Each structure stands twice: as C-alpha cells, then as structure tokens.
Amino acid sequence: MTRGLVIGKFMPLHKGHIALIKFAAWHCDELIVSMSYSDNDPIDGTLRFSWILEQFSADPKIKPHIIKDDFDDETLPLEDRTRIWAQKMKAVYPPIQVLISSEPYGAPFARHMNAQHICFDLARGQVPVSATAIRNRPLTNWDFIPRIIQPYFIKKICLYGPESTGKTTLAIKMARHYHTVYVPEAARDLLASNEFSAADIVAIGQLQHQYIQEQSQKASRLLFCDTDAVTTAIYSRLYLNHVPPEIYELEKRTRYDLHLLLDIDTPWVADPLRDQGHRREEMLLLFEQALQERQLPYIKISGSYPEREIRVKSIIDQLLRSG
C-alpha cells in the first residue's frame, strides 16, 4: 500500500488546498492530511479541523489528523526545520512513501522522510489564492472559500435603532440589492403586544440567534440583520426593569462587523408593538449609549428613506472594495 502525506495549517482550508488534497489522494492508496495548530492561531484549530473532516467525509481514502505545532523552530534554515518536521511525522504516523506539496519545503522534507516528493502547482496557477489572502480579504477572495467555510467569514451588518426608523425595510432592500439574505426581527414572530415576561425575552433572544445561524448558511458575503441582542436587552430593561443573563450570553455569541444606527428623523408609524413615539429622542440616546458602552463600531444613518439607502449602499460598497 502506498501512503501519502499532505501537511498544512489550513487556516482556512481553501479551494487550492482541496485541489492539492484531491491530487494527492489520486497518487496513493491512503492519504494522511496532517493539520497543525497552535494555541494562538487566528482561527481556532478545532474549528479548522472540523472543516477538513466535513469537506472530505465522503472519501475514506483521506485520513485527516490534527497535531499540535510545538516542535517547529522558525529561526532555523529550511533544511534543519524540515528535518525536525520529518522526525515528528515519523514518530506519530505510519510509514509514508509519498509526500505531496505545493511549497518549496517539499523536496527537503520528503528527503528527510525517505519519501518520494510530488509537487503540485508550485506557482499556484490553478487556484491563485493563499490562506493569508483569504484571512485578510475574505470578501475579495470569496469564490476561493469552500461553501461550508463561507459562513465563518460573512460580514454581519446590524440595522439598529429605535422603533419606526425603517430597519426592516432597509434590511430587505439591502439584502435584495447585494444578492444575499437578511435576518428578520424575532420579536415580531413571538409577540402580539408589549405585554411580555422575562421568559418571553429569553425566547426572543434565542429565536433571534437561531435565525442568524440559519441565515448565515444561506448568505453570500453579507448578512443584514434586523435588530440584535443589544436591542432585546434595551427593551427588556425598559419594560421589565431587568435583563435576563441569557441575553448577555447571546450578545457574546454573535459578532457584528458594523452597526448602522438609524436616526429618528423619519415619520412615526404606529403599530401594536410600537408605543414609544413620545420618547423618540430619549430612545435614540439609549440605543447609542448601549453601543458606546460596549465599544461597538457604528455609523449613524440620517435623512429621508432614499437618502438612507444611498448612504448605506456607499458604506457597504466600501466594505466590499476593502475585502
């Protein structure tokens, strides 16, 4: 049996890695994919390994393994570094006959492994991308990110602010314009009035989080969110004089890349869940203070509805250009 080896950090796994691994699997009977990690990696090692397991779950020939990178010494010349790598690989894996790589380290590493080296697309002409480029500019390199990993890199934009400022309409319009999806406001699916309990607040927060998880799987590059857990906390404090601890926990579980704070310079439109029309300035202050207390980045959006759309599109276009 011919056993092959591919190593990498896969931070993250991308389509270039997938092409390499499929090429490597074609050249052997069993392929070990060894993913190294360290405690200070910018993307958690356990999460990265789960992506590899899922991506190759249908191919029994491919055997993913995870190994802690506590043996490398980047200060050494490549020849000495690859000798250390080979010693470690020989200690933890069965005998390797073929090493497949797309990197300059491949030849010396294979020699120390007493294995044949097969080079794959060293110039990266087939899939011109790197993991570093994806981490730095995921939106620009979106098409190189596997579908199972794209939700990790989605930019979440929260439409945020007091009642009757056009959050829902703007979220729907922006999602349509950027060919993605939006997250609806969970409170409107659970409440018919502002008579609610702490248990209702927790249910709203949990459903909002569920919606975010579900829509993240469908989104492309951007996810527009109509409200967030901070908003739930504000209304819980306002109506119940108490915020259940579960809401603060839910806050920590979703990171937004930007909050767009919608100003109150639009007409008030009443409905069964809106009863703070007489306190619009006070409510706007509460919402803005909540962002400032949490040190969350935000931009205030004012003007007529058409002016708001133009302003938000300008902001999002800049985000997309920056990657």
C-alpha atoms as a PDB file:
ATOM      1  CA  MET A   1       0.000   0.000   0.000  1.00  0.00           C
ATOM      2  CA  THR A   2       1.206   3.497  -0.874  1.00  0.00           C
ATOM      3  CA  ARG A   3       0.597   6.003   1.915  1.00  0.00           C
ATOM      4  CA  GLY A   4       0.834   9.696   1.182  1.00  0.00           C
ATOM      5  CA  LEU A   5       1.147  12.785   3.372  1.00  0.00           C
ATOM      6  CA  VAL A   6      -0.035  16.363   2.990  1.00  0.00           C
ATOM      7  CA  ILE A   7       0.688  18.838   5.778  1.00  0.00           C
ATOM      8  CA  GLY A   8      -0.561  22.331   6.462  1.00  0.00           C
ATOM      9  CA  LYS A   9      -2.215  24.748   8.831  1.00  0.00           C
ATOM     10  CA  PHE A  10      -5.223  25.130   6.529  1.00  0.00           C
ATOM     11  CA  MET A  11      -6.048  28.493   8.070  1.00  0.00           C
ATOM     12  CA  PRO A  12      -8.543  28.272   6.490  1.00  0.00           C
ATOM     13  CA  LEU A  13      -8.925  25.328   4.143  1.00  0.00           C
ATOM     14  CA  HIS A  14      -9.499  26.805   0.674  1.00  0.00           C
ATOM     15  CA  LYS A  15     -10.078  25.541  -2.861  1.00  0.00           C
ATOM     16  CA  GLY A  16      -6.354  25.434  -3.554  1.00  0.00           C
ATOM     17  CA  HIS A  17      -5.884  23.099  -0.593  1.00  0.00           C
ATOM     18  CA  ILE A  18      -8.790  20.971  -1.799  1.00  0.00           C
ATOM     19  CA  ALA A  19      -7.248  20.666  -5.260  1.00  0.00           C
ATOM     20  CA  LEU A  20      -3.915  19.665  -3.687  1.00  0.00           C
ATOM     21  CA  ILE A  21      -5.506  17.046  -1.441  1.00  0.00           C
ATOM     22  CA  LYS A  22      -7.570  15.524  -4.248  1.00  0.00           C
ATOM     23  CA  PHE A  23      -4.449  15.402  -6.447  1.00  0.00           C
ATOM     24  CA  ALA A  24      -2.513  13.763  -3.619  1.00  0.00           C
ATOM     25  CA  ALA A  25      -5.238  11.189  -2.979  1.00  0.00           C
ATOM     26  CA  TRP A  26      -5.072  10.143  -6.631  1.00  0.00           C
ATOM     27  CA  HIS A  27      -1.377   9.248  -6.170  1.00  0.00           C
ATOM     28  CA  CYS A  28      -1.732   6.930  -3.178  1.00  0.00           C
ATOM     29  CA  ASP A  29      -3.936   4.298  -1.563  1.00  0.00           C
ATOM     30  CA  GLU A  30      -4.226   6.205   1.712  1.00  0.00           C
ATOM     31  CA  LEU A  31      -3.619   9.885   2.319  1.00  0.00           C
ATOM     32  CA  ILE A  32      -2.870  11.405   5.712  1.00  0.00           C
ATOM     33  CA  VAL A  33      -3.811  15.090   5.855  1.00  0.00           C
ATOM     34  CA  SER A  34      -1.942  16.444   8.875  1.00  0.00           C
ATOM     35  CA  MET A  35      -3.270  19.775  10.169  1.00  0.00           C
ATOM     36  CA  SER A  36      -1.039  21.586  12.648  1.00  0.00           C
ATOM     37  CA  TYR A  37      -2.300  24.117  15.152  1.00  0.00           C
ATOM     38  CA  SER A  38      -1.082  26.312  17.973  1.00  0.00           C
ATOM     39  CA  ASP A  39      -2.873  27.963  20.868  1.00  0.00           C
ATOM     40  CA  ASN A  40      -2.583  31.464  19.397  1.00  0.00           C
ATOM     41  CA  ASP A  41      -3.788  30.755  15.853  1.00  0.00           C
ATOM     42  CA  PRO A  42      -6.097  33.451  14.447  1.00  0.00           C
ATOM     43  CA  ILE A  43      -8.633  30.731  13.584  1.00  0.00           C
ATOM     44  CA  ASP A  44      -9.318  28.080  16.213  1.00  0.00           C
ATOM     45  CA  GLY A  45      -7.656  24.760  15.441  1.00  0.00           C
ATOM     46  CA  THR A  46     -10.608  22.595  16.431  1.00  0.00           C
ATOM     47  CA  LEU A  47     -12.882  24.567  14.123  1.00  0.00           C
ATOM     48  CA  ARG A  48     -10.431  24.317  11.214  1.00  0.00           C
ATOM     49  CA  PHE A  49     -10.125  20.581  11.707  1.00  0.00           C
ATOM     50  CA  SER A  50     -13.906  20.184  11.709  1.00  0.00           C
ATOM     51  CA  TRP A  51     -13.983  21.888   8.295  1.00  0.00           C
ATOM     52  CA  ILE A  52     -11.466  19.379   6.934  1.00  0.00           C
ATOM     53  CA  LEU A  53     -13.408  16.441   8.354  1.00  0.00           C
ATOM     54  CA  GLU A  54     -16.632  17.684   6.800  1.00  0.00           C
ATOM     55  CA  GLN A  55     -15.100  18.537   3.441  1.00  0.00           C
ATOM     56  CA  PHE A  56     -13.596  15.074   2.958  1.00  0.00           C
ATOM     57  CA  SER A  57     -16.094  12.941   4.862  1.00  0.00           C
ATOM     58  CA  ALA A  58     -17.191  11.136   1.694  1.00  0.00           C
ATOM     59  CA  ASP A  59     -13.699   9.903   0.759  1.00  0.00           C
ATOM     60  CA  PRO A  60     -12.491   7.034   3.011  1.00  0.00           C
ATOM     61  CA  LYS A  61      -9.046   7.207   1.423  1.00  0.00           C
ATOM     62  CA  ILE A  62      -8.402  10.635   3.009  1.00  0.00           C
ATOM     63  CA  LYS A  63      -7.465  10.429   6.712  1.00  0.00           C
ATOM     64  CA  PRO A  64      -7.374  13.845   8.454  1.00  0.00           C
ATOM     65  CA  HIS A  65      -5.233  14.152  11.581  1.00  0.00           C
ATOM     66  CA  ILE A  66      -4.601  17.095  13.897  1.00  0.00           C
ATOM     67  CA  ILE A  67      -1.254  17.732  15.569  1.00  0.00           C
ATOM     68  CA  LYS A  68      -0.074  20.484  17.881  1.00  0.00           C
ATOM     69  CA  ASP A  69       2.727  22.577  16.425  1.00  0.00           C
ATOM     70  CA  ASP A  70       5.070  22.557  19.404  1.00  0.00           C
ATOM     71  CA  PHE A  71       8.082  21.145  17.568  1.00  0.00           C
ATOM     72  CA  ASP A  72       8.867  23.680  14.814  1.00  0.00           C
ATOM     73  CA  ASP A  73      11.620  26.313  15.045  1.00  0.00           C
ATOM     74  CA  GLU A  74      11.126  29.102  12.502  1.00  0.00           C
ATOM     75  CA  THR A  75      14.583  30.562  13.246  1.00  0.00           C
ATOM     76  CA  LEU A  76      16.303  27.571  11.634  1.00  0.00           C
ATOM     77  CA  PRO A  77      17.159  27.195   7.939  1.00  0.00           C
ATOM     78  CA  LEU A  78      14.619  25.238   5.887  1.00  0.00           C
ATOM     79  CA  GLU A  79      16.873  22.185   5.755  1.00  0.00           C
ATOM     80  CA  ASP A  80      17.034  21.942   9.550  1.00  0.00           C
ATOM     81  CA  ARG A  81      13.364  22.795  10.026  1.00  0.00           C
ATOM     82  CA  THR A  82      12.199  20.071   7.662  1.00  0.00           C
ATOM     83  CA  ARG A  83      14.473  17.573   9.401  1.00  0.00           C
ATOM     84  CA  ILE A  84      12.635  18.319  12.672  1.00  0.00           C
ATOM     85  CA  TRP A  85       9.275  18.008  10.912  1.00  0.00           C
ATOM     86  CA  ALA A  86      10.256  14.643   9.473  1.00  0.00           C
ATOM     87  CA  GLN A  87      11.307  13.336  12.882  1.00  0.00           C
ATOM     88  CA  LYS A  88       7.924  14.308  14.290  1.00  0.00           C
ATOM     89  CA  MET A  89       5.944  12.842  11.398  1.00  0.00           C
ATOM     90  CA  LYS A  90       7.837   9.548  11.627  1.00  0.00           C
ATOM     91  CA  ALA A  91       7.088   9.398  15.347  1.00  0.00           C
ATOM     92  CA  VAL A  92       3.325   9.945  15.098  1.00  0.00           C
ATOM     93  CA  TYR A  93       2.291   8.494  11.709  1.00  0.00           C
ATOM     94  CA  PRO A  94       2.738   5.139   9.955  1.00  0.00           C
ATOM     95  CA  PRO A  95       5.425   4.920   7.255  1.00  0.00           C
ATOM     96  CA  ILE A  96       4.982   7.475   4.477  1.00  0.00           C
ATOM     97  CA  GLN A  97       6.008   6.658   0.920  1.00  0.00           C
ATOM     98  CA  VAL A  98       4.890   9.831  -0.866  1.00  0.00           C
ATOM     99  CA  LEU A  99       4.897  13.481   0.227  1.00  0.00           C
ATOM    100  CA  ILE A 100       2.765  15.840  -1.837  1.00  0.00           C
ATOM    101  CA  SER A 101       3.129  19.606  -1.510  1.00  0.00           C
ATOM    102  CA  SER A 102       2.788  22.952  -3.269  1.00  0.00           C
ATOM    103  CA  GLU A 103       5.583  24.591  -1.291  1.00  0.00           C
ATOM    104  CA  PRO A 104       9.385  24.967  -1.522  1.00  0.00           C
ATOM    105  CA  TYR A 105       9.755  22.906   1.643  1.00  0.00           C
ATOM    106  CA  GLY A 106       8.505  19.807  -0.183  1.00  0.00           C
ATOM    107  CA  ALA A 107      11.793  18.484  -1.588  1.00  0.00           C
ATOM    108  CA  PRO A 108      13.918  18.673   1.595  1.00  0.00           C
ATOM    109  CA  PHE A 109      11.016  17.486   3.742  1.00  0.00           C
ATOM    110  CA  ALA A 110      10.478  14.432   1.524  1.00  0.00           C
ATOM    111  CA  ARG A 111      14.181  13.644   1.578  1.00  0.00           C
ATOM    112  CA  HIS A 112      14.208  13.612   5.391  1.00  0.00           C
ATOM    113  CA  MET A 113      11.065  11.468   5.321  1.00  0.00           C
ATOM    114  CA  ASN A 114      12.785   8.990   2.951  1.00  0.00           C
ATOM    115  CA  ALA A 115       9.776   9.508   0.712  1.00  0.00           C
ATOM    116  CA  GLN A 116       9.117  10.432  -2.887  1.00  0.00           C
ATOM    117  CA  HIS A 117       8.148  14.069  -3.409  1.00  0.00           C
ATOM    118  CA  ILE A 118       5.385  15.018  -5.818  1.00  0.00           C
ATOM    119  CA  CYS A 119       4.945  18.723  -6.420  1.00  0.00           C
ATOM    120  CA  PHE A 120       1.531  20.162  -7.223  1.00  0.00           C
ATOM    121  CA  ASP A 121       1.092  23.589  -8.821  1.00  0.00           C
ATOM    122  CA  LEU A 122       4.022  25.304  -7.094  1.00  0.00           C
ATOM    123  CA  ALA A 123       3.232  28.550  -8.957  1.00  0.00           C
ATOM    124  CA  ARG A 124      -0.412  28.367  -7.802  1.00  0.00           C
ATOM    125  CA  GLY A 125      -1.643  28.913 -11.304  1.00  0.00           C
ATOM    126  CA  GLN A 126      -4.664  26.638 -10.953  1.00  0.00           C
ATOM    127  CA  VAL A 127      -6.069  28.263  -7.811  1.00  0.00           C
ATOM    128  CA  PRO A 128      -4.348  31.641  -7.321  1.00  0.00           C
ATOM    129  CA  VAL A 129      -5.017  32.255  -3.662  1.00  0.00           C
ATOM    130  CA  SER A 130      -3.462  31.793  -0.222  1.00  0.00           C
ATOM    131  CA  ALA A 131      -4.913  31.326   3.248  1.00  0.00           C
ATOM    132  CA  THR A 132      -3.334  34.626   4.292  1.00  0.00           C
ATOM    133  CA  ALA A 133      -5.085  36.447   1.446  1.00  0.00           C
ATOM    134  CA  ILE A 134      -8.412  34.917   2.481  1.00  0.00           C
ATOM    135  CA  ARG A 135      -7.964  35.904   6.123  1.00  0.00           C
ATOM    136  CA  ASN A 136      -7.015  39.450   5.158  1.00  0.00           C
ATOM    137  CA  ARG A 137      -9.596  39.952   2.390  1.00  0.00           C
ATOM    138  CA  PRO A 138     -12.271  37.271   2.579  1.00  0.00           C
ATOM    139  CA  LEU A 139     -14.885  39.189   0.566  1.00  0.00           C
ATOM    140  CA  THR A 140     -12.468  39.801  -2.306  1.00  0.00           C
ATOM    141  CA  ASN A 141     -11.474  36.115  -2.335  1.00  0.00           C
ATOM    142  CA  TRP A 142     -14.952  34.771  -1.654  1.00  0.00           C
ATOM    143  CA  ASP A 143     -15.087  32.339  -4.570  1.00  0.00           C
ATOM    144  CA  PHE A 144     -11.992  30.517  -3.291  1.00  0.00           C
ATOM    145  CA  ILE A 145     -13.631  29.748   0.085  1.00  0.00           C
ATOM    146  CA  PRO A 146     -15.495  26.397   0.314  1.00  0.00           C
ATOM    147  CA  ARG A 147     -19.220  26.716   0.936  1.00  0.00           C
ATOM    148  CA  ILE A 148     -19.001  25.042   4.353  1.00  0.00           C
ATOM    149  CA  ILE A 149     -16.492  27.689   5.477  1.00  0.00           C
ATOM    150  CA  GLN A 150     -18.071  30.810   3.984  1.00  0.00           C
ATOM    151  CA  PRO A 151     -20.413  31.406   6.975  1.00  0.00           C
ATOM    152  CA  TYR A 152     -17.341  31.993   9.164  1.00  0.00           C
ATOM    153  CA  PHE A 153     -16.266  34.940   7.001  1.00  0.00           C
ATOM    154  CA  ILE A 154     -19.648  36.540   6.371  1.00  0.00           C
ATOM    155  CA  LYS A 155     -19.798  40.207   7.358  1.00  0.00           C
ATOM    156  CA  LYS A 156     -22.797  40.820   9.597  1.00  0.00           C
ATOM    157  CA  ILE A 157     -24.395  44.260   9.339  1.00  0.00           C
ATOM    158  CA  CYS A 158     -26.922  45.131  12.055  1.00  0.00           C
ATOM    159  CA  LEU A 159     -29.717  47.578  11.231  1.00  0.00           C
ATOM    160  CA  TYR A 160     -30.159  49.044  14.672  1.00  0.00           C
ATOM    161  CA  GLY A 161     -32.152  51.765  16.408  1.00  0.00           C
ATOM    162  CA  PRO A 162     -35.463  52.766  17.976  1.00  0.00           C
ATOM    163  CA  GLU A 163     -38.924  51.948  16.687  1.00  0.00           C
ATOM    164  CA  SER A 164     -40.174  53.195  13.328  1.00  0.00           C
ATOM    165  CA  THR A 165     -36.842  54.114  11.777  1.00  0.00           C
ATOM    166  CA  GLY A 166     -37.071  51.806   8.759  1.00  0.00           C
ATOM    167  CA  LYS A 167     -34.831  48.937   9.884  1.00  0.00           C
ATOM    168  CA  THR A 168     -36.871  46.101   8.401  1.00  0.00           C
ATOM    169  CA  THR A 169     -37.466  47.768   5.052  1.00  0.00           C
ATOM    170  CA  LEU A 170     -33.818  48.732   4.738  1.00  0.00           C
ATOM    171  CA  ALA A 171     -32.625  45.225   5.659  1.00  0.00           C
ATOM    172  CA  ILE A 172     -34.855  43.690   2.989  1.00  0.00           C
ATOM    173  CA  LYS A 173     -33.767  46.190   0.335  1.00  0.00           C
ATOM    174  CA  MET A 174     -30.073  45.809   1.086  1.00  0.00           C
ATOM    175  CA  ALA A 175     -30.296  42.010   1.038  1.00  0.00           C
ATOM    176  CA  ARG A 176     -32.016  42.138  -2.339  1.00  0.00           C
ATOM    177  CA  HIS A 177     -29.530  44.659  -3.733  1.00  0.00           C
ATOM    178  CA  TYR A 178     -26.464  42.635  -2.659  1.00  0.00           C
ATOM    179  CA  HIS A 179     -27.949  39.255  -3.637  1.00  0.00           C
ATOM    180  CA  THR A 180     -27.928  37.858  -0.141  1.00  0.00           C
ATOM    181  CA  VAL A 181     -30.405  37.283   2.697  1.00  0.00           C
ATOM    182  CA  TYR A 182     -31.462  39.117   5.836  1.00  0.00           C
ATOM    183  CA  VAL A 183     -32.388  38.131   9.395  1.00  0.00           C
ATOM    184  CA  PRO A 184     -35.916  39.156  10.422  1.00  0.00           C
ATOM    185  CA  GLU A 185     -36.837  40.527  13.835  1.00  0.00           C
ATOM    186  CA  ALA A 186     -37.742  37.572  16.057  1.00  0.00           C
ATOM    187  CA  ALA A 187     -39.843  39.655  18.474  1.00  0.00           C
ATOM    188  CA  ARG A 188     -42.462  40.204  15.793  1.00  0.00           C
ATOM    189  CA  ASP A 189     -42.832  36.457  15.352  1.00  0.00           C
ATOM    190  CA  LEU A 190     -43.433  35.878  19.072  1.00  0.00           C
ATOM    191  CA  LEU A 191     -45.257  38.950  20.417  1.00  0.00           C
ATOM    192  CA  ALA A 192     -48.630  40.459  19.658  1.00  0.00           C
ATOM    193  CA  SER A 193     -48.267  43.282  22.169  1.00  0.00           C
ATOM    194  CA  ASN A 194     -45.807  44.730  24.674  1.00  0.00           C
ATOM    195  CA  GLU A 195     -47.207  42.577  27.462  1.00  0.00           C
ATOM    196  CA  PHE A 196     -44.401  40.052  27.927  1.00  0.00           C
ATOM    197  CA  SER A 197     -42.346  38.275  30.589  1.00  0.00           C
ATOM    198  CA  ALA A 198     -38.666  37.569  31.194  1.00  0.00           C
ATOM    199  CA  ALA A 199     -39.233  34.108  29.724  1.00  0.00           C
ATOM    200  CA  ASP A 200     -40.586  35.749  26.578  1.00  0.00           C
ATOM    201  CA  ILE A 201     -37.473  37.921  26.366  1.00  0.00           C
ATOM    202  CA  VAL A 202     -35.228  34.857  26.581  1.00  0.00           C
ATOM    203  CA  ALA A 203     -37.315  33.125  23.895  1.00  0.00           C
ATOM    204  CA  ILE A 204     -36.941  36.185  21.646  1.00  0.00           C
ATOM    205  CA  GLY A 205     -33.179  36.243  22.134  1.00  0.00           C
ATOM    206  CA  GLN A 206     -32.829  32.534  21.426  1.00  0.00           C
ATOM    207  CA  LEU A 207     -35.002  32.695  18.312  1.00  0.00           C
ATOM    208  CA  GLN A 208     -33.059  35.715  17.037  1.00  0.00           C
ATOM    209  CA  HIS A 209     -29.826  33.754  17.464  1.00  0.00           C
ATOM    210  CA  GLN A 210     -31.366  30.771  15.673  1.00  0.00           C
ATOM    211  CA  TYR A 211     -32.393  32.983  12.758  1.00  0.00           C
ATOM    212  CA  ILE A 212     -28.839  34.335  12.497  1.00  0.00           C
ATOM    213  CA  GLN A 213     -27.371  30.828  12.406  1.00  0.00           C
ATOM    214  CA  GLU A 214     -29.850  29.688   9.782  1.00  0.00           C
ATOM    215  CA  GLN A 215     -29.452  32.697   7.521  1.00  0.00           C
ATOM    216  CA  SER A 216     -25.656  32.613   7.811  1.00  0.00           C
ATOM    217  CA  GLN A 217     -25.764  29.297   5.956  1.00  0.00           C
ATOM    218  CA  LYS A 218     -27.592  30.957   3.068  1.00  0.00           C
ATOM    219  CA  ALA A 219     -25.863  34.343   2.919  1.00  0.00           C
ATOM    220  CA  SER A 220     -23.329  35.465   0.340  1.00  0.00           C
ATOM    221  CA  ARG A 221     -20.587  37.746   1.683  1.00  0.00           C
ATOM    222  CA  LEU A 222     -23.026  39.898   3.670  1.00  0.00           C
ATOM    223  CA  LEU A 223     -25.801  39.241   6.179  1.00  0.00           C
ATOM    224  CA  PHE A 224     -28.147  42.095   7.054  1.00  0.00           C
ATOM    225  CA  CYS A 225     -29.687  41.693  10.498  1.00  0.00           C
ATOM    226  CA  ASP A 226     -32.873  43.464  11.557  1.00  0.00           C
ATOM    227  CA  THR A 227     -32.047  44.125  15.248  1.00  0.00           C
ATOM    228  CA  ASP A 228     -29.792  42.255  17.710  1.00  0.00           C
ATOM    229  CA  ALA A 229     -29.457  41.059  21.306  1.00  0.00           C
ATOM    230  CA  VAL A 230     -28.466  44.561  22.467  1.00  0.00           C
ATOM    231  CA  THR A 231     -31.876  45.774  21.303  1.00  0.00           C
ATOM    232  CA  THR A 232     -33.546  42.923  23.177  1.00  0.00           C
ATOM    233  CA  ALA A 233     -31.654  43.947  26.318  1.00  0.00           C
ATOM    234  CA  ILE A 234     -32.726  47.583  25.915  1.00  0.00           C
ATOM    235  CA  TYR A 235     -36.419  46.720  25.682  1.00  0.00           C
ATOM    236  CA  SER A 236     -36.159  44.184  28.485  1.00  0.00           C
ATOM    237  CA  ARG A 237     -34.707  46.886  30.743  1.00  0.00           C
ATOM    238  CA  LEU A 238     -37.339  49.376  29.586  1.00  0.00           C
ATOM    239  CA  TYR A 239     -40.416  47.205  30.144  1.00  0.00           C
ATOM    240  CA  LEU A 240     -39.286  44.765  32.868  1.00  0.00           C
ATOM    241  CA  ASN A 241     -36.544  46.767  34.607  1.00  0.00           C
ATOM    242  CA  HIS A 242     -34.439  43.620  34.292  1.00  0.00           C
ATOM    243  CA  VAL A 243     -32.325  41.860  31.673  1.00  0.00           C
ATOM    244  CA  PRO A 244     -32.116  38.045  31.895  1.00  0.00           C
ATOM    245  CA  PRO A 245     -28.474  36.903  31.941  1.00  0.00           C
ATOM    246  CA  GLU A 246     -29.165  34.688  28.934  1.00  0.00           C
ATOM    247  CA  ILE A 247     -29.476  37.810  26.774  1.00  0.00           C
ATOM    248  CA  TYR A 248     -25.991  38.967  27.701  1.00  0.00           C
ATOM    249  CA  GLU A 249     -24.683  35.486  26.863  1.00  0.00           C
ATOM    250  CA  LEU A 250     -26.381  35.650  23.477  1.00  0.00           C
ATOM    251  CA  GLU A 251     -24.737  39.027  22.866  1.00  0.00           C
ATOM    252  CA  LYS A 252     -21.332  37.360  23.161  1.00  0.00           C
ATOM    253  CA  ARG A 253     -22.222  34.619  20.691  1.00  0.00           C
ATOM    254  CA  THR A 254     -22.767  36.897  17.690  1.00  0.00           C
ATOM    255  CA  ARG A 255     -20.197  39.402  16.479  1.00  0.00           C
ATOM    256  CA  TYR A 256     -21.374  42.125  14.128  1.00  0.00           C
ATOM    257  CA  ASP A 257     -18.895  43.823  11.865  1.00  0.00           C
ATOM    258  CA  LEU A 258     -20.878  47.052  11.902  1.00  0.00           C
ATOM    259  CA  HIS A 259     -23.982  48.567  13.476  1.00  0.00           C
ATOM    260  CA  LEU A 260     -25.907  51.100  11.418  1.00  0.00           C
ATOM    261  CA  LEU A 261     -27.751  53.300  13.917  1.00  0.00           C
ATOM    262  CA  LEU A 262     -30.869  54.654  12.220  1.00  0.00           C
ATOM    263  CA  ASP A 263     -31.776  58.187  13.266  1.00  0.00           C
ATOM    264  CA  ILE A 264     -35.290  59.285  14.267  1.00  0.00           C
ATOM    265  CA  ASP A 265     -35.688  61.911  11.532  1.00  0.00           C
ATOM    266  CA  THR A 266     -38.330  59.820   9.761  1.00  0.00           C
ATOM    267  CA  PRO A 267     -42.125  59.875  10.260  1.00  0.00           C
ATOM    268  CA  TRP A 268     -43.501  57.903  13.198  1.00  0.00           C
ATOM    269  CA  VAL A 269     -45.669  54.972  12.090  1.00  0.00           C
ATOM    270  CA  ALA A 270     -47.609  53.288  14.899  1.00  0.00           C
ATOM    271  CA  ASP A 271     -48.396  49.586  15.156  1.00  0.00           C
ATOM    272  CA  PRO A 272     -49.313  47.183  18.016  1.00  0.00           C
ATOM    273  CA  LEU A 273     -45.655  46.762  19.092  1.00  0.00           C
ATOM    274  CA  ARG A 274     -44.732  50.457  18.926  1.00  0.00           C
ATOM    275  CA  ASP A 275     -45.654  52.608  21.886  1.00  0.00           C
ATOM    276  CA  GLN A 276     -42.619  54.849  22.439  1.00  0.00           C
ATOM    277  CA  GLY A 277     -43.404  57.523  19.885  1.00  0.00           C
ATOM    278  CA  HIS A 278     -43.469  60.189  22.569  1.00  0.00           C
ATOM    279  CA  ARG A 279     -39.900  59.303  23.675  1.00  0.00           C
ATOM    280  CA  ARG A 280     -38.066  59.085  20.375  1.00  0.00           C
ATOM    281  CA  GLU A 281     -35.130  61.300  21.345  1.00  0.00           C
ATOM    282  CA  GLU A 282     -34.720  59.512  24.663  1.00  0.00           C
ATOM    283  CA  MET A 283     -34.835  56.104  22.955  1.00  0.00           C
ATOM    284  CA  LEU A 284     -32.264  57.132  20.359  1.00  0.00           C
ATOM    285  CA  LEU A 285     -29.937  58.179  23.170  1.00  0.00           C
ATOM    286  CA  LEU A 286     -30.430  54.817  24.927  1.00  0.00           C
ATOM    287  CA  PHE A 287     -29.568  52.930  21.755  1.00  0.00           C
ATOM    288  CA  GLU A 288     -26.476  54.986  21.042  1.00  0.00           C
ATOM    289  CA  GLN A 289     -25.239  54.762  24.626  1.00  0.00           C
ATOM    290  CA  ALA A 290     -25.619  50.970  24.539  1.00  0.00           C
ATOM    291  CA  LEU A 291     -23.236  50.804  21.573  1.00  0.00           C
ATOM    292  CA  GLN A 292     -20.761  53.172  23.163  1.00  0.00           C
ATOM    293  CA  GLU A 293     -20.761  51.263  26.462  1.00  0.00           C
ATOM    294  CA  ARG A 294     -19.934  48.066  24.566  1.00  0.00           C
ATOM    295  CA  GLN A 295     -17.385  49.835  22.363  1.00  0.00           C
ATOM    296  CA  LEU A 296     -19.108  48.540  19.231  1.00  0.00           C
ATOM    297  CA  PRO A 297     -18.340  50.239  15.900  1.00  0.00           C
ATOM    298  CA  TYR A 298     -21.313  52.060  14.397  1.00  0.00           C
ATOM    299  CA  ILE A 299     -22.334  54.686  11.874  1.00  0.00           C
ATOM    300  CA  LYS A 300     -25.394  56.880  12.333  1.00  0.00           C
ATOM    301  CA  ILE A 301     -27.689  56.962   9.303  1.00  0.00           C
ATOM    302  CA  SER A 302     -29.932  60.018   8.900  1.00  0.00           C
ATOM    303  CA  GLY A 303     -32.067  61.615   6.201  1.00  0.00           C
ATOM    304  CA  SER A 304     -35.022  60.566   4.097  1.00  0.00           C
ATOM    305  CA  TYR A 305     -35.549  56.924   3.194  1.00  0.00           C
ATOM    306  CA  PRO A 306     -33.962  57.342  -0.285  1.00  0.00           C
ATOM    307  CA  GLU A 307     -31.035  59.229   1.265  1.00  0.00           C
ATOM    308  CA  ARG A 308     -30.531  56.435   3.777  1.00  0.00           C
ATOM    309  CA  GLU A 309     -30.433  53.812   1.039  1.00  0.00           C
ATOM    310  CA  ILE A 310     -27.787  55.776  -0.864  1.00  0.00           C
ATOM    311  CA  ARG A 311     -25.700  56.246   2.292  1.00  0.00           C
ATOM    312  CA  VAL A 312     -25.883  52.596   3.316  1.00  0.00           C
ATOM    313  CA  LYS A 313     -25.008  51.373  -0.176  1.00  0.00           C
ATOM    314  CA  SER A 314     -21.972  53.648  -0.151  1.00  0.00           C
ATOM    315  CA  ILE A 315     -20.836  52.165   3.171  1.00  0.00           C
ATOM    316  CA  ILE A 316     -21.361  48.577   2.038  1.00  0.00           C
ATOM    317  CA  ASP A 317     -19.674  49.175  -1.316  1.00  0.00           C
ATOM    318  CA  GLN A 318     -16.616  50.465   0.528  1.00  0.00           C
ATOM    319  CA  LEU A 319     -16.659  47.377   2.760  1.00  0.00           C
ATOM    320  CA  LEU A 320     -16.759  45.131  -0.303  1.00  0.00           C
ATOM    321  CA  ARG A 321     -13.941  47.024  -2.023  1.00  0.00           C
ATOM    322  CA  SER A 322     -11.749  46.717   1.062  1.00  0.00           C
ATOM    323  CA  GLY A 323     -12.389  42.987   1.113  1.00  0.00           C
END
